[in-house]
């Protein structure tokens, strides 16, 4: 990536959560393998959505509660301020992964044949010339019964969670850029869901790349991964908590995907993720836990995020 960035050679890529595995190539290379990318091209036209069946089988409330309480204990010990707790949910869906990719409305879409499909609303970083910008997303609320996002923006738990992640990302970006500024704070997007739309809260943090990182796209990503919004703060100790408590392999879920067009880098966090495991489909989802979090609300958020973006 460093070499291609310096030479201005276009590429597309995806990297797993632990930055151990990935794929990089041209758009033509991807097409030959049946890999399909759609980067920041949300299609607002009304796609014809086929009739479909969708059913989910989430982790039990009691099992989730055990994991939630283990996270809370770590928070109370001071091992972390914010832990992003995720879990796999088996689903049944009459649509193929490719059909979901074609019909989904999302900023970042990726389909890897017989492996997974992503329809993510979350930007990770963008790099344009010598400016880097990050867009952490934290805070979710169903639009149903909430005609405005005001309850999300004023909720004490959501404010604490969002402020923590903004501080973490600001610190992460400062490894490769200076000065840093928060350009937008707690702005709201409305996310499509077949079960009812969701309000989603984000912020924008930008900085001027240090001379030693200009053009070196791989080195930048190596410093910033895994994404703070899907891990927590402080990052190192929080990653250990996640490893101990989640007890499953995230794989490419919560990794990143992106495109460099020769001038600009645009990347997304691989959330809203369905994986094919033999004949079973697994939807991976989760949310941030702080000391203010309530068990039932976090359990419901995990389930709410298991949806199709139609």
Protein backbone atom coordinates (compact mmCIF):
# COMPACT_ATOMS: atom_id res chain seq x y z
CA UNK A 1 0.00 0.00 0.00
CA UNK A 2 2.88 2.36 0.77
CA UNK A 3 4.42 1.68 -2.64
CA UNK A 4 1.13 2.09 -4.49
CA UNK A 5 0.23 5.22 -2.53
CA UNK A 6 3.55 6.89 -3.31
CA UNK A 7 3.29 5.92 -7.01
CA UNK A 8 -0.39 6.91 -7.24
CA UNK A 9 -1.52 3.42 -8.34
CA UNK A 10 -5.21 2.67 -7.77
CA UNK A 11 -6.29 -0.36 -5.71
CA UNK A 12 -9.09 -1.84 -3.63
CA UNK A 13 -8.64 -3.94 -0.49
CA UNK A 14 -10.07 -5.47 2.66
CA UNK A 15 -8.34 -6.39 5.94
CA UNK A 16 -9.56 -8.50 8.87
CA UNK A 17 -10.15 -7.30 12.44
CA UNK A 18 -6.69 -8.33 13.70
CA UNK A 19 -4.91 -7.08 10.55
CA UNK A 20 -3.54 -10.59 10.03
CA UNK A 21 -5.26 -11.38 6.73
CA UNK A 22 -6.43 -9.36 3.78
CA UNK A 23 -6.64 -8.93 0.03
CA UNK A 24 -5.41 -6.13 -2.21
CA UNK A 25 -5.65 -5.71 -5.98
CA UNK A 26 -7.06 -3.66 -8.81
CA UNK A 27 -10.77 -3.38 -9.52
CA UNK A 28 -10.14 -5.70 -12.48
CA UNK A 29 -8.45 -8.27 -10.20
CA UNK A 30 -11.49 -8.15 -7.89
CA UNK A 31 -13.93 -8.62 -10.78
CA UNK A 32 -12.05 -11.72 -11.98
CA UNK A 33 -12.51 -13.27 -8.51
CA UNK A 34 -16.18 -12.25 -8.30
CA UNK A 35 -15.39 -9.76 -5.49
CA UNK A 36 -17.68 -6.73 -5.68
CA UNK A 37 -17.00 -3.33 -4.08
CA UNK A 38 -19.21 -0.26 -3.75
CA UNK A 39 -17.49 2.61 -1.95
CA UNK A 40 -19.46 5.64 -0.66
CA UNK A 41 -22.05 5.38 -3.39
CA UNK A 42 -25.28 5.13 -1.42
CA UNK A 43 -28.01 4.56 -3.96
CA UNK A 44 -31.08 6.55 -2.96
CA UNK A 45 -33.21 5.25 -5.81
CA UNK A 46 -35.88 2.75 -4.85
CA UNK A 47 -34.46 -0.65 -5.71
CA UNK A 48 -36.92 -3.43 -6.41
CA UNK A 49 -36.55 -5.58 -3.32
CA UNK A 50 -37.50 -9.22 -3.83
CA UNK A 51 -39.90 -10.80 -1.38
CA UNK A 52 -37.75 -12.41 1.27
CA UNK A 53 -37.80 -14.31 4.54
CA UNK A 54 -35.49 -13.18 7.36
CA UNK A 55 -35.25 -14.79 10.80
CA UNK A 56 -32.66 -14.33 13.55
CA UNK A 57 -31.63 -16.51 16.48
CA UNK A 58 -29.64 -14.31 18.87
CA UNK A 59 -27.61 -15.39 21.87
CA UNK A 60 -29.85 -15.88 24.92
CA UNK A 61 -30.37 -12.96 27.28
CA UNK A 62 -28.80 -14.94 30.14
CA UNK A 63 -25.64 -15.81 28.16
CA UNK A 64 -25.31 -12.23 26.94
CA UNK A 65 -25.83 -11.07 30.53
CA UNK A 66 -22.86 -13.12 31.73
CA UNK A 67 -20.62 -11.48 29.12
CA UNK A 68 -22.05 -8.02 29.82
CA UNK A 69 -21.39 -8.37 33.55
CA UNK A 70 -17.83 -9.55 32.89
CA UNK A 71 -17.28 -6.39 30.79
CA UNK A 72 -18.82 -4.24 33.54
CA UNK A 73 -16.44 -5.81 36.09
CA UNK A 74 -13.48 -4.90 33.87
CA UNK A 75 -14.79 -1.34 33.56
CA UNK A 76 -15.17 -1.05 37.33
CA UNK A 77 -11.58 -2.29 37.81
CA UNK A 78 -10.44 0.52 35.50
CA UNK A 79 -9.13 -1.87 32.82
CA UNK A 80 -11.11 0.04 30.19
CA UNK A 81 -13.44 3.02 29.77
CA UNK A 82 -15.28 1.58 26.75
CA UNK A 83 -15.54 -1.99 25.43
CA UNK A 84 -17.20 -2.87 22.14
CA UNK A 85 -18.86 -6.22 22.88
CA UNK A 86 -19.98 -8.21 19.82
CA UNK A 87 -21.55 -11.62 19.26
CA UNK A 88 -22.54 -13.86 16.32
CA UNK A 89 -26.25 -14.37 15.53
CA UNK A 90 -27.30 -17.28 13.28
CA UNK A 91 -29.90 -16.15 10.73
CA UNK A 92 -32.10 -17.65 8.05
CA UNK A 93 -32.54 -15.58 4.90
CA UNK A 94 -34.08 -16.53 1.59
CA UNK A 95 -31.82 -14.08 -0.27
CA UNK A 96 -28.29 -14.96 -1.36
CA UNK A 97 -25.32 -12.90 -0.17
CA UNK A 98 -25.04 -11.47 -3.68
CA UNK A 99 -28.72 -10.49 -3.75
CA UNK A 100 -28.26 -8.71 -0.41
CA UNK A 101 -25.22 -6.86 -1.82
CA UNK A 102 -27.15 -5.78 -4.93
CA UNK A 103 -30.21 -4.53 -3.02
CA UNK A 104 -28.51 -2.98 0.03
CA UNK A 105 -28.36 0.78 0.56
CA UNK A 106 -25.12 1.61 2.34
CA UNK A 107 -22.02 3.79 1.98
CA UNK A 108 -19.67 0.80 1.93
CA UNK A 109 -20.61 -2.51 0.37
CA UNK A 110 -18.47 -5.58 -0.22
CA UNK A 111 -19.31 -9.06 -1.46
CA UNK A 112 -16.78 -11.91 -1.35
CA UNK A 113 -18.27 -15.04 -2.97
CA UNK A 114 -19.07 -17.87 -0.56
CA UNK A 115 -17.53 -15.91 2.32
CA UNK A 116 -19.35 -12.73 3.40
CA UNK A 117 -21.28 -9.59 2.52
CA UNK A 118 -20.90 -6.15 4.17
CA UNK A 119 -23.27 -3.17 4.04
CA UNK A 120 -21.66 -0.65 6.36
CA UNK A 121 -22.69 2.94 7.13
CA UNK A 122 -19.39 3.78 8.90
CA UNK A 123 -16.40 5.56 7.38
CA UNK A 124 -13.06 4.67 8.95
CA UNK A 125 -10.58 7.16 7.47
CA UNK A 126 -10.24 9.27 4.35
CA UNK A 127 -6.92 10.63 3.09
CA UNK A 128 -6.88 13.46 0.56
CA UNK A 129 -3.49 14.99 -0.28
CA UNK A 130 -2.00 15.65 3.19
CA UNK A 131 -5.27 15.66 5.16
CA UNK A 132 -6.54 12.63 7.09
CA UNK A 133 -10.11 12.49 8.43
CA UNK A 134 -11.78 9.87 10.64
CA UNK A 135 -15.50 9.44 11.29
CA UNK A 136 -16.16 7.32 14.42
CA UNK A 137 -19.77 6.12 14.75
CA UNK A 138 -21.14 5.50 18.25
CA UNK A 139 -24.76 5.71 19.39
CA UNK A 140 -27.83 4.04 17.92
CA UNK A 141 -31.58 4.62 18.44
CA UNK A 142 -34.62 3.25 16.58
CA UNK A 143 -36.44 5.95 14.61
CA UNK A 144 -39.73 4.32 15.56
CA UNK A 145 -41.18 6.19 18.57
CA UNK A 146 -38.31 8.71 18.25
CA UNK A 147 -39.28 11.19 15.49
CA UNK A 148 -36.11 13.21 16.17
CA UNK A 149 -32.62 12.06 17.25
CA UNK A 150 -32.66 14.40 20.28
CA UNK A 151 -33.03 11.55 22.84
CA UNK A 152 -29.89 9.94 21.38
CA UNK A 153 -27.88 13.17 21.51
CA UNK A 154 -28.91 13.93 25.10
CA UNK A 155 -28.69 10.42 26.62
CA UNK A 156 -25.97 10.37 29.32
CA UNK A 157 -24.71 6.88 28.45
CA UNK A 158 -24.60 7.62 24.72
CA UNK A 159 -22.84 10.96 25.33
CA UNK A 160 -20.20 9.28 27.49
CA UNK A 161 -19.65 6.51 24.95
CA UNK A 162 -19.39 8.93 22.06
CA UNK A 163 -17.06 11.33 23.88
CA UNK A 164 -14.78 8.42 24.83
CA UNK A 165 -14.50 7.17 21.27
CA UNK A 166 -13.88 10.66 19.88
CA UNK A 167 -11.04 11.08 22.38
CA UNK A 168 -9.62 7.66 21.42
CA UNK A 169 -9.74 8.38 17.68
CA UNK A 170 -8.21 11.82 18.21
CA UNK A 171 -5.36 10.11 20.05
CA UNK A 172 -5.01 7.44 17.33
CA UNK A 173 -4.90 10.00 14.52
CA UNK A 174 -2.30 12.02 16.44
CA UNK A 175 0.16 9.16 15.82
CA UNK A 176 0.28 10.09 12.13
CA UNK A 177 -0.93 13.71 11.99
CA UNK A 178 -0.65 17.11 13.67
CA UNK A 179 -2.47 19.34 14.47
CA UNK A 180 -5.78 17.52 15.13
CA UNK A 181 -9.25 19.04 15.28
CA UNK A 182 -12.82 17.81 15.81
CA UNK A 183 -14.59 19.33 12.80
CA UNK A 184 -18.07 17.93 13.51
CA UNK A 185 -19.38 16.56 16.79
CA UNK A 186 -22.37 14.22 17.25
CA UNK A 187 -23.92 14.61 13.80
CA UNK A 188 -26.76 12.25 12.89
CA UNK A 189 -27.42 9.89 9.96
CA UNK A 190 -30.60 7.90 9.35
CA UNK A 191 -29.80 4.27 8.46
CA UNK A 192 -32.15 2.06 6.43
CA UNK A 193 -33.37 -1.19 8.02
CA UNK A 194 -36.07 -3.62 6.96
CA UNK A 195 -37.29 -3.63 10.58
CA UNK A 196 -37.41 0.17 10.90
CA UNK A 197 -34.78 2.86 10.40
CA UNK A 198 -32.10 3.75 12.97
CA UNK A 199 -30.63 7.06 14.08
CA UNK A 200 -26.82 6.79 14.13
CA UNK A 201 -24.47 9.34 15.76
CA UNK A 202 -20.98 10.18 14.41
CA UNK A 203 -18.21 12.78 14.63
CA UNK A 204 -15.45 13.95 12.26
CA UNK A 205 -11.83 14.29 13.35
CA UNK A 206 -9.20 15.67 10.95
CA UNK A 207 -5.47 16.37 10.93
CA UNK A 208 -2.47 17.23 8.77
CA UNK A 209 -0.37 14.15 8.00
CA UNK A 210 3.17 14.24 9.37
CA UNK A 211 5.79 14.35 6.57
CA UNK A 212 6.94 10.76 7.23
CA UNK A 213 3.40 9.42 6.62
CA UNK A 214 2.46 11.39 3.51
CA UNK A 215 1.65 8.91 0.74
CA UNK A 216 2.35 5.93 2.99
CA UNK A 217 -1.19 4.54 3.16
CA UNK A 218 -0.21 1.13 4.52
CA UNK A 219 1.86 2.64 7.32
CA UNK A 220 -1.05 4.88 8.30
CA UNK A 221 -3.47 1.94 8.50
CA UNK A 222 -0.93 -0.15 10.41
CA UNK A 223 -0.78 2.55 13.09
CA UNK A 224 -4.57 3.01 13.36
CA UNK A 225 -5.87 -0.58 13.27
CA UNK A 226 -7.97 -2.04 14.73
CA UNK A 227 -10.54 0.72 14.45
CA UNK A 228 -11.19 2.39 17.79
CA UNK A 229 -14.96 2.47 17.31
CA UNK A 230 -15.15 -1.36 17.28
CA UNK A 231 -12.59 -2.00 20.02
CA UNK A 232 -12.55 0.60 22.82
CA UNK A 233 -10.29 2.66 25.04
CA UNK A 234 -7.56 2.34 26.10
CA UNK A 235 -7.06 0.11 23.09
CA UNK A 236 -4.41 -2.41 24.21
CA UNK A 237 -6.12 -3.49 27.46
CA UNK A 238 -9.56 -3.37 25.83
CA UNK A 239 -8.45 -5.76 23.07
CA UNK A 240 -7.44 -8.26 25.77
CA UNK A 241 -10.87 -7.95 27.41
CA UNK A 242 -12.59 -8.54 24.06
CA UNK A 243 -10.43 -11.61 23.41
CA UNK A 244 -11.28 -13.10 26.82
CA UNK A 245 -15.03 -12.38 26.88
CA UNK A 246 -16.34 -12.63 23.31
CA UNK A 247 -15.11 -16.23 22.83
CA UNK A 248 -15.54 -16.33 19.04
CA UNK A 249 -13.54 -15.34 15.98
CA UNK A 250 -14.56 -11.97 14.52
CA UNK A 251 -12.62 -12.76 11.34
CA UNK A 252 -13.18 -10.05 8.74
CA UNK A 253 -16.05 -8.56 10.77
CA UNK A 254 -14.97 -5.14 12.17
CA UNK A 255 -11.99 -5.10 9.82
CA UNK A 256 -11.80 -2.42 7.14
CA UNK A 257 -12.36 -2.17 3.38
CA UNK A 258 -11.49 0.60 1.00
CA UNK A 259 -10.39 2.09 -2.28
CA UNK A 260 -7.51 4.28 -3.42
CA UNK A 261 -8.25 5.95 -6.76
CA UNK A 262 -4.69 7.19 -7.24
CA UNK A 263 -5.30 10.42 -5.34
CA UNK A 264 -7.72 9.79 -2.46
CA UNK A 265 -8.12 6.94 0.02
CA UNK A 266 -11.63 6.13 1.25
CA UNK A 267 -12.15 3.35 3.81
CA UNK A 268 -15.07 1.90 5.76
CA UNK A 269 -15.38 -0.21 8.92
CA UNK A 270 -16.81 -3.65 8.12
CA UNK A 271 -19.82 -3.62 10.41
CA UNK A 272 -23.31 -4.86 9.34
CA UNK A 273 -21.75 -8.13 8.31
CA UNK A 274 -23.15 -11.53 7.24
CA UNK A 275 -20.77 -14.46 6.98
CA UNK A 276 -21.37 -17.81 5.31
CA UNK A 277 -20.16 -20.75 7.38
CA UNK A 278 -20.84 -23.91 5.36
CA UNK A 279 -24.65 -23.86 4.97
CA UNK A 280 -25.24 -21.47 7.90
CA UNK A 281 -25.41 -17.67 7.70
CA UNK A 282 -24.01 -15.75 10.69
CA UNK A 283 -24.75 -12.06 11.31
CA UNK A 284 -22.16 -10.45 13.59
CA UNK A 285 -23.15 -7.37 15.61
CA UNK A 286 -22.55 -5.54 18.88
CA UNK A 287 -22.24 -2.23 20.68
CA UNK A 288 -20.14 -0.15 23.03
CA UNK A 289 -20.36 -0.79 26.77
CA UNK A 290 -19.56 1.91 29.34
CA UNK A 291 -20.00 2.06 33.09
CA UNK A 292 -23.41 3.70 32.45
CA UNK A 293 -24.69 0.91 30.16
CA UNK A 294 -27.78 -1.11 31.04
CA UNK A 295 -27.81 -4.81 30.28
CA UNK A 296 -31.26 -5.07 28.67
CA UNK A 297 -30.74 -2.02 26.45
CA UNK A 298 -27.38 -3.30 25.18
CA UNK A 299 -28.85 -6.74 24.51
CA UNK A 300 -31.65 -5.17 22.49
CA UNK A 301 -29.17 -3.01 20.55
CA UNK A 302 -27.18 -6.11 19.56
CA UNK A 303 -30.41 -7.64 18.20
CA UNK A 304 -31.59 -4.40 16.51
CA UNK A 305 -28.37 -4.30 14.50
CA UNK A 306 -29.19 -7.65 12.89
CA UNK A 307 -31.11 -6.38 9.87
CA UNK A 308 -31.13 -5.95 6.09
CA UNK A 309 -30.62 -2.38 4.78
CA UNK A 310 -33.67 -2.15 2.52
